[in-house]
Amino acid sequence: IDYQYAIGDIYGFGEVARSDNGALAMLHGINFSLASNFMLSTLYRHYARNYQSIYTAPFGENALPENEQGFYLGFTSFPVKYWTVSAYADMFRFPWLRYGADAPSNGYDYLTMIDFQSAQDWSMHLKLRSKMTEKNNRLENNPISEVVPVVTTKLRYHIDYQANKNIILKSRVAWTFYQKQEIKKTGFLVYQD
């Protein structure tokens, strides 16, 4: 069953599905146009741990719509000409065991992005993303894994310049930070295409 409605600048939508085993999957969302240059989106999802679906592309962290609950809040703003600012926060939980986590687990995914698209021949964006998921951490001399947070933070700056109709120059600088308990790793990337 799916639905959608519009009341003024509010657009709502949703879907509820039941698999042959009786398990439910659902998502419900609302998009608000709070001003001519500001849009807000919310989405709630709940996929039962035993929900079964063959051909899907679900909104969520898992490849399949199962064993997940989450709430997404995002916005897009156009503060001045050529500029776009967007951000989202996605909080999720897995109420049952899953691959890589031998216990119920939680997580979040935060993103902020600033885009500039000139009317001429160049564009750029700056993106900051932080994501945490809980994963197994096998302890020495202990057959039982504990579930611990794994945090990845990424910062990226990218610029495109169209030198002429045959040549486009693309430059990127990126930095990544990874942490799983005491393990901390940092990496970076610089490229010109």
N, C-alpha and C. Protein backbone atom coordinates (compact mmCIF):
# COMPACT_ATOMS: atom_id res chain seq x y z
N ILE A 1 0.87 -1.16 0.00
CA ILE A 1 0.00 0.00 0.00
C ILE A 1 0.91 1.22 0.00
N ASP A 2 0.64 2.15 -0.88
CA ASP A 2 1.41 3.40 -0.86
C ASP A 2 0.44 4.57 -0.92
N TYR A 3 0.90 5.72 -0.49
CA TYR A 3 0.06 6.91 -0.47
C TYR A 3 0.93 8.13 -0.71
N GLN A 4 0.29 9.21 -1.08
CA GLN A 4 0.94 10.51 -1.19
C GLN A 4 -0.13 11.58 -1.09
N TYR A 5 0.24 12.73 -0.58
CA TYR A 5 -0.70 13.84 -0.46
C TYR A 5 0.07 15.14 -0.48
N ALA A 6 -0.61 16.20 -0.83
CA ALA A 6 -0.03 17.53 -0.84
C ALA A 6 -1.03 18.51 -0.24
N ILE A 7 -0.57 19.29 0.72
CA ILE A 7 -1.37 20.34 1.33
C ILE A 7 -0.52 21.59 1.33
N GLY A 8 -0.80 22.49 0.45
CA GLY A 8 0.02 23.70 0.34
C GLY A 8 1.44 23.35 -0.03
N ASP A 9 2.38 23.75 0.83
CA ASP A 9 3.80 23.47 0.60
C ASP A 9 4.28 22.23 1.33
N ILE A 10 3.35 21.37 1.75
CA ILE A 10 3.70 20.14 2.45
C ILE A 10 3.35 18.96 1.55
N TYR A 11 4.31 18.08 1.35
CA TYR A 11 4.10 16.89 0.53
C TYR A 11 4.41 15.67 1.39
N GLY A 12 3.45 14.79 1.56
CA GLY A 12 3.64 13.58 2.35
C GLY A 12 3.57 12.34 1.47
N PHE A 13 4.25 11.30 1.89
CA PHE A 13 4.26 10.06 1.11
C PHE A 13 4.61 8.90 2.03
N GLY A 14 4.32 7.71 1.58
CA GLY A 14 4.66 6.54 2.36
C GLY A 14 4.31 5.25 1.67
N GLU A 15 4.75 4.17 2.29
CA GLU A 15 4.51 2.85 1.73
C GLU A 15 4.57 1.83 2.86
N VAL A 16 3.68 0.85 2.81
CA VAL A 16 3.68 -0.26 3.75
C VAL A 16 3.58 -1.53 2.93
N ALA A 17 4.46 -2.51 3.23
CA ALA A 17 4.46 -3.78 2.49
C ALA A 17 4.50 -4.94 3.48
N ARG A 18 3.92 -6.04 3.07
CA ARG A 18 3.90 -7.26 3.89
C ARG A 18 4.43 -8.40 3.05
N SER A 19 5.39 -9.15 3.57
CA SER A 19 5.91 -10.31 2.84
C SER A 19 5.06 -11.53 3.18
N ASP A 20 5.27 -12.62 2.45
CA ASP A 20 4.46 -13.84 2.63
C ASP A 20 4.50 -14.38 4.06
N ASN A 21 5.57 -14.12 4.79
CA ASN A 21 5.67 -14.63 6.17
C ASN A 21 4.99 -13.71 7.19
N GLY A 22 4.35 -12.64 6.72
CA GLY A 22 3.62 -11.73 7.60
C GLY A 22 4.42 -10.56 8.12
N ALA A 23 5.71 -10.48 7.80
CA ALA A 23 6.55 -9.38 8.27
C ALA A 23 6.26 -8.10 7.49
N LEU A 24 6.39 -6.97 8.17
CA LEU A 24 6.09 -5.67 7.56
C LEU A 24 7.35 -4.85 7.32
N ALA A 25 7.26 -4.03 6.29
CA ALA A 25 8.27 -3.00 6.02
C ALA A 25 7.51 -1.73 5.69
N MET A 26 7.98 -0.61 6.20
CA MET A 26 7.27 0.64 5.93
C MET A 26 8.23 1.81 5.96
N LEU A 27 7.84 2.84 5.24
CA LEU A 27 8.51 4.13 5.34
C LEU A 27 7.48 5.22 5.13
N HIS A 28 7.69 6.34 5.84
CA HIS A 28 6.78 7.47 5.79
C HIS A 28 7.62 8.74 5.78
N GLY A 29 7.27 9.68 4.91
CA GLY A 29 8.06 10.90 4.82
C GLY A 29 7.22 12.12 4.57
N ILE A 30 7.79 13.27 4.89
CA ILE A 30 7.16 14.56 4.64
C ILE A 30 8.24 15.50 4.12
N ASN A 31 7.93 16.21 3.05
CA ASN A 31 8.79 17.27 2.53
C ASN A 31 8.09 18.60 2.73
N PHE A 32 8.80 19.57 3.30
CA PHE A 32 8.25 20.90 3.55
C PHE A 32 9.02 21.90 2.70
N SER A 33 8.31 22.80 2.08
CA SER A 33 8.95 23.93 1.44
C SER A 33 8.70 25.11 2.36
N LEU A 34 9.65 25.38 3.26
CA LEU A 34 9.44 26.40 4.29
C LEU A 34 9.59 27.81 3.75
N ALA A 35 10.32 27.96 2.67
CA ALA A 35 10.49 29.24 1.98
C ALA A 35 10.87 28.92 0.54
N SER A 36 10.91 29.93 -0.30
CA SER A 36 11.23 29.67 -1.70
C SER A 36 12.64 29.14 -1.88
N ASN A 37 13.51 29.34 -0.88
CA ASN A 37 14.90 28.90 -0.99
C ASN A 37 15.30 27.89 0.10
N PHE A 38 14.30 27.24 0.74
CA PHE A 38 14.63 26.30 1.82
C PHE A 38 13.63 25.16 1.83
N MET A 39 14.15 23.92 1.72
CA MET A 39 13.31 22.73 1.76
C MET A 39 13.80 21.81 2.86
N LEU A 40 12.84 21.21 3.58
CA LEU A 40 13.14 20.30 4.68
C LEU A 40 12.49 18.96 4.39
N SER A 41 13.23 17.86 4.63
CA SER A 41 12.71 16.52 4.38
C SER A 41 12.87 15.66 5.62
N THR A 42 11.85 14.84 5.91
CA THR A 42 11.93 13.88 7.01
C THR A 42 11.49 12.53 6.46
N LEU A 43 12.06 11.48 7.03
CA LEU A 43 11.68 10.13 6.61
C LEU A 43 11.88 9.17 7.77
N TYR A 44 10.87 8.37 8.04
CA TYR A 44 10.96 7.32 9.05
C TYR A 44 10.88 5.98 8.33
N ARG A 45 11.72 5.03 8.72
CA ARG A 45 11.67 3.70 8.11
C ARG A 45 11.69 2.64 9.20
N HIS A 46 10.97 1.57 8.93
CA HIS A 46 10.94 0.43 9.85
C HIS A 46 10.82 -0.83 8.99
N TYR A 47 11.87 -1.63 9.00
CA TYR A 47 11.90 -2.89 8.26
C TYR A 47 12.04 -4.02 9.28
N ALA A 48 11.07 -4.91 9.35
CA ALA A 48 11.12 -6.03 10.29
C ALA A 48 12.32 -6.91 9.99
N ARG A 49 12.82 -7.59 11.03
CA ARG A 49 14.03 -8.40 10.85
C ARG A 49 13.80 -9.59 9.93
N ASN A 50 12.55 -10.04 9.80
CA ASN A 50 12.26 -11.20 8.95
C ASN A 50 11.49 -10.82 7.68
N TYR A 51 11.49 -9.52 7.33
CA TYR A 51 10.84 -9.09 6.09
C TYR A 51 11.63 -9.65 4.91
N GLN A 52 10.92 -10.13 3.89
CA GLN A 52 11.57 -10.73 2.72
C GLN A 52 11.11 -10.00 1.46
N SER A 53 12.08 -9.62 0.64
CA SER A 53 11.79 -8.97 -0.63
C SER A 53 12.87 -9.35 -1.63
N ILE A 54 12.46 -9.65 -2.85
CA ILE A 54 13.42 -10.14 -3.83
C ILE A 54 14.09 -8.99 -4.59
N TYR A 55 13.31 -8.11 -5.19
CA TYR A 55 13.87 -7.01 -5.99
C TYR A 55 13.58 -5.69 -5.29
N THR A 56 14.57 -5.16 -4.58
CA THR A 56 14.38 -3.91 -3.87
C THR A 56 15.62 -3.04 -3.93
N ALA A 57 15.41 -1.78 -3.73
CA ALA A 57 16.49 -0.82 -3.55
C ALA A 57 16.04 0.09 -2.41
N PRO A 58 16.15 -0.39 -1.17
CA PRO A 58 15.55 0.34 -0.05
C PRO A 58 16.33 1.58 0.35
N PHE A 59 15.63 2.51 0.96
CA PHE A 59 16.27 3.64 1.61
C PHE A 59 16.76 3.14 2.96
N GLY A 60 18.04 3.15 3.20
CA GLY A 60 18.57 2.68 4.47
C GLY A 60 20.02 2.27 4.36
N GLU A 61 20.51 1.69 5.42
CA GLU A 61 21.91 1.30 5.51
C GLU A 61 22.17 -0.08 4.91
N ASN A 62 21.20 -0.95 4.98
CA ASN A 62 21.38 -2.31 4.49
C ASN A 62 21.05 -2.42 3.01
N ALA A 63 21.59 -3.43 2.37
CA ALA A 63 21.28 -3.70 0.96
C ALA A 63 19.86 -4.23 0.80
N LEU A 64 19.34 -4.86 1.86
CA LEU A 64 17.97 -5.38 1.85
C LEU A 64 17.15 -4.66 2.90
N PRO A 65 15.84 -4.52 2.67
CA PRO A 65 14.98 -3.85 3.67
C PRO A 65 14.61 -4.81 4.79
N GLU A 66 15.52 -5.04 5.72
CA GLU A 66 15.25 -5.94 6.84
C GLU A 66 16.07 -5.50 8.05
N ASN A 67 15.52 -5.75 9.24
CA ASN A 67 16.24 -5.52 10.49
C ASN A 67 16.78 -4.10 10.60
N GLU A 68 15.93 -3.10 10.35
CA GLU A 68 16.41 -1.72 10.42
C GLU A 68 15.27 -0.78 10.78
N GLN A 69 15.61 0.18 11.64
CA GLN A 69 14.71 1.28 11.96
C GLN A 69 15.54 2.55 11.86
N GLY A 70 14.95 3.62 11.36
CA GLY A 70 15.74 4.83 11.23
C GLY A 70 14.90 6.07 11.03
N PHE A 71 15.53 7.20 11.29
CA PHE A 71 14.90 8.50 11.08
C PHE A 71 15.90 9.40 10.36
N TYR A 72 15.47 10.01 9.28
CA TYR A 72 16.30 10.88 8.44
C TYR A 72 15.72 12.29 8.48
N LEU A 73 16.57 13.28 8.62
CA LEU A 73 16.18 14.68 8.58
C LEU A 73 17.19 15.40 7.71
N GLY A 74 16.73 16.07 6.68
CA GLY A 74 17.66 16.76 5.78
C GLY A 74 17.08 18.07 5.29
N PHE A 75 17.96 18.94 4.81
CA PHE A 75 17.49 20.19 4.23
C PHE A 75 18.37 20.59 3.05
N THR A 76 17.79 21.39 2.19
CA THR A 76 18.50 22.01 1.08
C THR A 76 18.13 23.47 1.07
N SER A 77 19.14 24.33 0.94
CA SER A 77 18.91 25.76 0.94
C SER A 77 19.68 26.39 -0.22
N PHE A 78 19.10 27.44 -0.77
CA PHE A 78 19.73 28.20 -1.84
C PHE A 78 19.88 29.64 -1.34
N PRO A 79 20.91 29.91 -0.50
CA PRO A 79 20.99 31.21 0.18
C PRO A 79 21.22 32.39 -0.75
N VAL A 80 22.08 32.21 -1.75
CA VAL A 80 22.34 33.25 -2.74
C VAL A 80 22.54 32.59 -4.10
N LYS A 81 22.51 33.39 -5.13
CA LYS A 81 22.64 32.89 -6.49
C LYS A 81 23.91 32.04 -6.65
N TYR A 82 23.76 30.89 -7.30
CA TYR A 82 24.83 29.93 -7.61
C TYR A 82 25.22 29.03 -6.44
N TRP A 83 24.78 29.31 -5.23
CA TRP A 83 25.20 28.54 -4.06
C TRP A 83 24.07 27.66 -3.55
N THR A 84 24.44 26.44 -3.11
CA THR A 84 23.50 25.50 -2.49
C THR A 84 24.16 24.96 -1.22
N VAL A 85 23.41 24.96 -0.15
CA VAL A 85 23.87 24.37 1.11
C VAL A 85 22.90 23.26 1.46
N SER A 86 23.43 22.07 1.72
CA SER A 86 22.56 20.95 2.07
C SER A 86 23.20 20.15 3.20
N ALA A 87 22.35 19.50 3.98
CA ALA A 87 22.84 18.71 5.09
C ALA A 87 21.78 17.67 5.44
N TYR A 88 22.24 16.58 6.07
CA TYR A 88 21.29 15.60 6.59
C TYR A 88 21.86 14.91 7.80
N ALA A 89 20.96 14.38 8.60
CA ALA A 89 21.31 13.52 9.73
C ALA A 89 20.43 12.29 9.62
N ASP A 90 21.05 11.13 9.64
CA ASP A 90 20.33 9.86 9.56
C ASP A 90 20.73 9.04 10.77
N MET A 91 19.78 8.77 11.65
CA MET A 91 20.03 7.96 12.84
C MET A 91 19.32 6.62 12.63
N PHE A 92 20.03 5.53 12.90
CA PHE A 92 19.44 4.22 12.62
C PHE A 92 19.83 3.22 13.69
N ARG A 93 19.05 2.16 13.74
CA ARG A 93 19.36 1.06 14.66
C ARG A 93 18.96 -0.25 14.03
N PHE A 94 19.69 -1.28 14.42
CA PHE A 94 19.44 -2.63 13.95
C PHE A 94 19.04 -3.46 15.17
N PRO A 95 17.74 -3.76 15.36
CA PRO A 95 17.29 -4.40 16.58
C PRO A 95 17.69 -5.86 16.72
N TRP A 96 18.21 -6.45 15.67
CA TRP A 96 18.60 -7.85 15.71
C TRP A 96 20.03 -7.98 15.20
N LEU A 97 20.62 -9.17 15.33
CA LEU A 97 21.97 -9.41 14.84
C LEU A 97 22.04 -9.15 13.34
N ARG A 98 23.22 -8.82 12.85
CA ARG A 98 23.44 -8.64 11.42
C ARG A 98 24.88 -8.98 11.11
N TYR A 99 25.21 -9.01 9.82
CA TYR A 99 26.57 -9.34 9.42
C TYR A 99 27.53 -8.33 10.04
N GLY A 100 28.53 -8.81 10.74
CA GLY A 100 29.54 -7.95 11.34
C GLY A 100 29.18 -7.41 12.70
N ALA A 101 27.98 -7.71 13.21
CA ALA A 101 27.56 -7.25 14.54
C ALA A 101 26.75 -8.36 15.19
N ASP A 102 27.31 -9.00 16.19
CA ASP A 102 26.67 -10.14 16.86
C ASP A 102 25.76 -9.71 18.01
N ALA A 103 25.22 -8.49 17.93
CA ALA A 103 24.29 -7.97 18.92
C ALA A 103 23.51 -6.83 18.26
N PRO A 104 22.40 -6.42 18.83
CA PRO A 104 21.72 -5.23 18.31
C PRO A 104 22.70 -4.05 18.29
N SER A 105 22.56 -3.17 17.29
CA SER A 105 23.52 -2.08 17.15
C SER A 105 22.84 -0.81 16.65
N ASN A 106 23.57 0.29 16.74
CA ASN A 106 23.08 1.61 16.35
C ASN A 106 24.08 2.27 15.42
N GLY A 107 23.68 3.44 14.91
CA GLY A 107 24.61 4.22 14.11
C GLY A 107 24.03 5.55 13.70
N TYR A 108 24.87 6.35 13.06
CA TYR A 108 24.43 7.62 12.50
C TYR A 108 25.24 7.93 11.26
N ASP A 109 24.70 8.82 10.45
CA ASP A 109 25.36 9.28 9.24
C ASP A 109 25.01 10.76 9.09
N TYR A 110 26.02 11.65 9.21
CA TYR A 110 25.80 13.09 9.10
C TYR A 110 26.57 13.59 7.88
N LEU A 111 25.95 14.49 7.15
CA LEU A 111 26.62 15.06 5.97
C LEU A 111 26.26 16.53 5.85
N THR A 112 27.25 17.34 5.50
CA THR A 112 27.05 18.75 5.16
C THR A 112 27.80 19.03 3.86
N MET A 113 27.14 19.73 2.94
CA MET A 113 27.78 20.01 1.66
C MET A 113 27.43 21.41 1.20
N ILE A 114 28.44 22.10 0.68
CA ILE A 114 28.27 23.43 0.09
C ILE A 114 28.69 23.34 -1.36
N ASP A 115 27.77 23.72 -2.26
CA ASP A 115 28.02 23.67 -3.71
C ASP A 115 28.02 25.07 -4.30
N PHE A 116 28.90 25.27 -5.27
CA PHE A 116 28.89 26.49 -6.07
C PHE A 116 28.88 26.07 -7.53
N GLN A 117 27.91 26.55 -8.29
CA GLN A 117 27.81 26.25 -9.72
C GLN A 117 27.72 27.57 -10.45
N SER A 118 28.81 27.96 -11.12
CA SER A 118 28.81 29.25 -11.81
C SER A 118 27.97 29.17 -13.07
N ALA A 119 27.54 30.30 -13.52
CA ALA A 119 26.80 30.35 -14.79
C ALA A 119 27.77 30.19 -15.95
N GLN A 120 29.03 30.27 -15.67
CA GLN A 120 30.04 30.20 -16.72
C GLN A 120 30.58 28.78 -16.87
N ASP A 121 31.82 28.57 -16.45
CA ASP A 121 32.50 27.33 -16.80
C ASP A 121 33.18 26.62 -15.63
N TRP A 122 32.79 26.90 -14.39
CA TRP A 122 33.40 26.17 -13.29
C TRP A 122 32.42 25.97 -12.14
N SER A 123 32.73 24.93 -11.34
CA SER A 123 31.92 24.60 -10.18
C SER A 123 32.82 24.00 -9.11
N MET A 124 32.32 24.00 -7.88
CA MET A 124 33.10 23.41 -6.80
C MET A 124 32.15 22.96 -5.69
N HIS A 125 32.64 22.05 -4.85
CA HIS A 125 31.88 21.68 -3.66
C HIS A 125 32.83 21.31 -2.53
N LEU A 126 32.34 21.51 -1.32
CA LEU A 126 33.03 21.14 -0.10
C LEU A 126 32.08 20.24 0.67
N LYS A 127 32.55 19.04 1.05
CA LYS A 127 31.69 18.06 1.70
C LYS A 127 32.36 17.52 2.96
N LEU A 128 31.59 17.47 4.05
CA LEU A 128 32.04 16.88 5.30
C LEU A 128 31.03 15.81 5.69
N ARG A 129 31.53 14.58 5.95
CA ARG A 129 30.65 13.47 6.30
C ARG A 129 31.24 12.70 7.47
N SER A 130 30.40 12.37 8.42
CA SER A 130 30.81 11.56 9.56
C SER A 130 29.80 10.43 9.72
N LYS A 131 30.30 9.21 9.84
CA LYS A 131 29.43 8.05 9.94
C LYS A 131 29.93 7.13 11.03
N MET A 132 28.98 6.64 11.85
CA MET A 132 29.32 5.69 12.90
C MET A 132 28.40 4.49 12.78
N THR A 133 29.00 3.31 12.77
CA THR A 133 28.25 2.06 12.86
C THR A 133 28.93 1.21 13.93
N GLU A 134 28.17 0.34 14.53
CA GLU A 134 28.75 -0.53 15.53
C GLU A 134 29.07 -1.88 14.90
N LYS A 135 30.28 -2.37 15.17
CA LYS A 135 30.77 -3.63 14.59
C LYS A 135 31.37 -4.51 15.68
N ASN A 136 31.56 -5.77 15.33
CA ASN A 136 32.19 -6.72 16.25
C ASN A 136 33.63 -6.32 16.52
N ASN A 137 34.07 -6.58 17.74
CA ASN A 137 35.47 -6.44 18.11
C ASN A 137 35.83 -7.69 18.91
N ARG A 138 36.49 -8.62 18.28
CA ARG A 138 36.82 -9.89 18.92
C ARG A 138 37.90 -9.65 19.97
N LEU A 139 37.61 -10.09 21.18
CA LEU A 139 38.56 -9.93 22.27
C LEU A 139 39.48 -11.14 22.35
N GLU A 140 40.70 -10.91 22.74
CA GLU A 140 41.67 -11.99 22.86
C GLU A 140 41.24 -12.95 23.98
N ASN A 141 41.34 -14.24 23.73
CA ASN A 141 40.96 -15.29 24.69
C ASN A 141 39.49 -15.24 25.10
N ASN A 142 38.65 -14.68 24.23
CA ASN A 142 37.22 -14.61 24.52
C ASN A 142 36.46 -14.93 23.24
N PRO A 143 35.68 -15.99 23.21
CA PRO A 143 34.99 -16.35 21.97
C PRO A 143 33.82 -15.41 21.63
N ILE A 144 33.43 -14.57 22.58
CA ILE A 144 32.29 -13.67 22.36
C ILE A 144 32.80 -12.30 21.94
N SER A 145 32.25 -11.78 20.85
CA SER A 145 32.64 -10.45 20.37
C SER A 145 31.83 -9.40 21.10
N GLU A 146 32.46 -8.27 21.38
CA GLU A 146 31.70 -7.13 21.85
C GLU A 146 31.48 -6.21 20.66
N VAL A 147 30.37 -5.48 20.69
CA VAL A 147 30.04 -4.55 19.60
C VAL A 147 30.54 -3.17 20.01
N VAL A 148 31.38 -2.57 19.14
CA VAL A 148 32.00 -1.27 19.44
C VAL A 148 31.76 -0.30 18.29
N PRO A 149 31.77 1.00 18.58
CA PRO A 149 31.56 1.98 17.51
C PRO A 149 32.77 2.08 16.58
N VAL A 150 32.48 2.22 15.30
CA VAL A 150 33.49 2.46 14.27
C VAL A 150 33.10 3.78 13.59
N VAL A 151 33.97 4.78 13.68
CA VAL A 151 33.67 6.12 13.17
C VAL A 151 34.57 6.42 11.98
N THR A 152 33.97 6.89 10.91
CA THR A 152 34.71 7.34 9.73
C THR A 152 34.30 8.78 9.44
N THR A 153 35.27 9.68 9.32
CA THR A 153 35.01 11.08 9.00
C THR A 153 35.76 11.42 7.73
N LYS A 154 35.06 12.05 6.79
CA LYS A 154 35.68 12.39 5.50
C LYS A 154 35.43 13.86 5.18
N LEU A 155 36.47 14.52 4.67
CA LEU A 155 36.38 15.91 4.23
C LEU A 155 36.89 15.96 2.80
N ARG A 156 36.14 16.61 1.90
CA ARG A 156 36.53 16.64 0.49
C ARG A 156 36.25 18.01 -0.11
N TYR A 157 37.22 18.49 -0.90
CA TYR A 157 37.04 19.71 -1.71
C TYR A 157 37.29 19.33 -3.16
N HIS A 158 36.36 19.70 -4.03
CA HIS A 158 36.44 19.33 -5.44
C HIS A 158 36.11 20.55 -6.29
N ILE A 159 36.85 20.73 -7.39
CA ILE A 159 36.60 21.84 -8.30
C ILE A 159 36.70 21.34 -9.74
N ASP A 160 35.77 21.79 -10.59
CA ASP A 160 35.76 21.49 -12.02
C ASP A 160 35.90 22.80 -12.79
N TYR A 161 36.72 22.76 -13.83
CA TYR A 161 36.88 23.93 -14.68
C TYR A 161 36.86 23.49 -16.13
N GLN A 162 35.95 24.05 -16.91
CA GLN A 162 35.88 23.72 -18.32
C GLN A 162 36.71 24.73 -19.09
N ALA A 163 37.94 24.31 -19.44
CA ALA A 163 38.89 25.20 -20.11
C ALA A 163 38.40 25.59 -21.51
N ASN A 164 37.84 24.60 -22.23
CA ASN A 164 37.22 24.85 -23.52
C ASN A 164 36.23 23.72 -23.77
N LYS A 165 35.66 23.63 -24.98
CA LYS A 165 34.61 22.63 -25.20
C LYS A 165 35.15 21.20 -25.20
N ASN A 166 36.47 21.01 -25.30
CA ASN A 166 37.07 19.68 -25.32
C ASN A 166 37.83 19.30 -24.05
N ILE A 167 38.10 20.26 -23.19
CA ILE A 167 38.93 19.98 -22.00
C ILE A 167 38.21 20.43 -20.73
N ILE A 168 38.08 19.48 -19.80
CA ILE A 168 37.55 19.77 -18.46
C ILE A 168 38.61 19.35 -17.45
N LEU A 169 39.00 20.25 -16.59
CA LEU A 169 39.98 19.97 -15.54
C LEU A 169 39.24 19.74 -14.23
N LYS A 170 39.58 18.64 -13.54
CA LYS A 170 38.96 18.31 -12.27
C LYS A 170 40.05 18.12 -11.23
N SER A 171 39.91 18.80 -10.11
CA SER A 171 40.88 18.70 -9.03
C SER A 171 40.15 18.33 -7.74
N ARG A 172 40.80 17.49 -6.93
CA ARG A 172 40.18 17.07 -5.67
C ARG A 172 41.24 16.89 -4.60
N VAL A 173 40.88 17.30 -3.40
CA VAL A 173 41.68 17.05 -2.20
C VAL A 173 40.73 16.40 -1.20
N ALA A 174 41.12 15.27 -0.62
CA ALA A 174 40.26 14.56 0.32
C ALA A 174 41.07 14.06 1.50
N TRP A 175 40.43 14.04 2.66
CA TRP A 175 41.06 13.56 3.90
C TRP A 175 40.08 12.62 4.59
N THR A 176 40.56 11.51 5.15
CA THR A 176 39.71 10.54 5.84
C THR A 176 40.34 10.19 7.19
N PHE A 177 39.47 10.07 8.20
CA PHE A 177 39.89 9.64 9.53
C PHE A 177 39.02 8.47 9.93
N TYR A 178 39.66 7.39 10.43
CA TYR A 178 38.98 6.16 10.82
C TYR A 178 39.36 5.83 12.26
N GLN A 179 38.35 5.46 13.06
CA GLN A 179 38.64 5.07 14.45
C GLN A 179 37.77 3.90 14.88
N LYS A 180 38.42 2.86 15.41
CA LYS A 180 37.75 1.72 16.03
C LYS A 180 38.49 1.44 17.32
N GLN A 181 37.93 1.91 18.42
CA GLN A 181 38.55 1.87 19.74
C GLN A 181 39.92 2.54 19.69
N GLU A 182 41.01 1.81 20.02
CA GLU A 182 42.33 2.45 20.04
C GLU A 182 42.94 2.60 18.65
N ILE A 183 42.37 1.93 17.66
CA ILE A 183 42.92 1.99 16.30
C ILE A 183 42.46 3.29 15.63
N LYS A 184 43.43 4.10 15.22
CA LYS A 184 43.13 5.35 14.53
C LYS A 184 43.97 5.42 13.28
N LYS A 185 43.33 5.71 12.15
CA LYS A 185 44.04 5.80 10.88
C LYS A 185 43.60 7.06 10.15
N THR A 186 44.54 7.64 9.42
CA THR A 186 44.26 8.84 8.63
C THR A 186 44.80 8.62 7.23
N GLY A 187 44.06 9.11 6.25
CA GLY A 187 44.52 9.02 4.87
C GLY A 187 44.14 10.27 4.12
N PHE A 188 44.82 10.49 2.99
CA PHE A 188 44.46 11.64 2.16
C PHE A 188 44.65 11.32 0.70
N LEU A 189 44.01 12.12 -0.12
CA LEU A 189 44.05 11.93 -1.57
C LEU A 189 44.14 13.30 -2.22
N VAL A 190 44.99 13.42 -3.26
CA VAL A 190 45.05 14.62 -4.08
C VAL A 190 45.09 14.15 -5.52
N TYR A 191 44.20 14.65 -6.37
CA TYR A 191 44.28 14.26 -7.78
C TYR A 191 43.89 15.38 -8.70
N GLN A 192 44.42 15.27 -9.91
CA GLN A 192 44.10 16.19 -11.00
C GLN A 192 43.75 15.32 -12.21
N ASP A 193 42.59 15.56 -12.78
CA ASP A 193 42.12 14.77 -13.91
C ASP A 193 41.92 15.68 -15.11
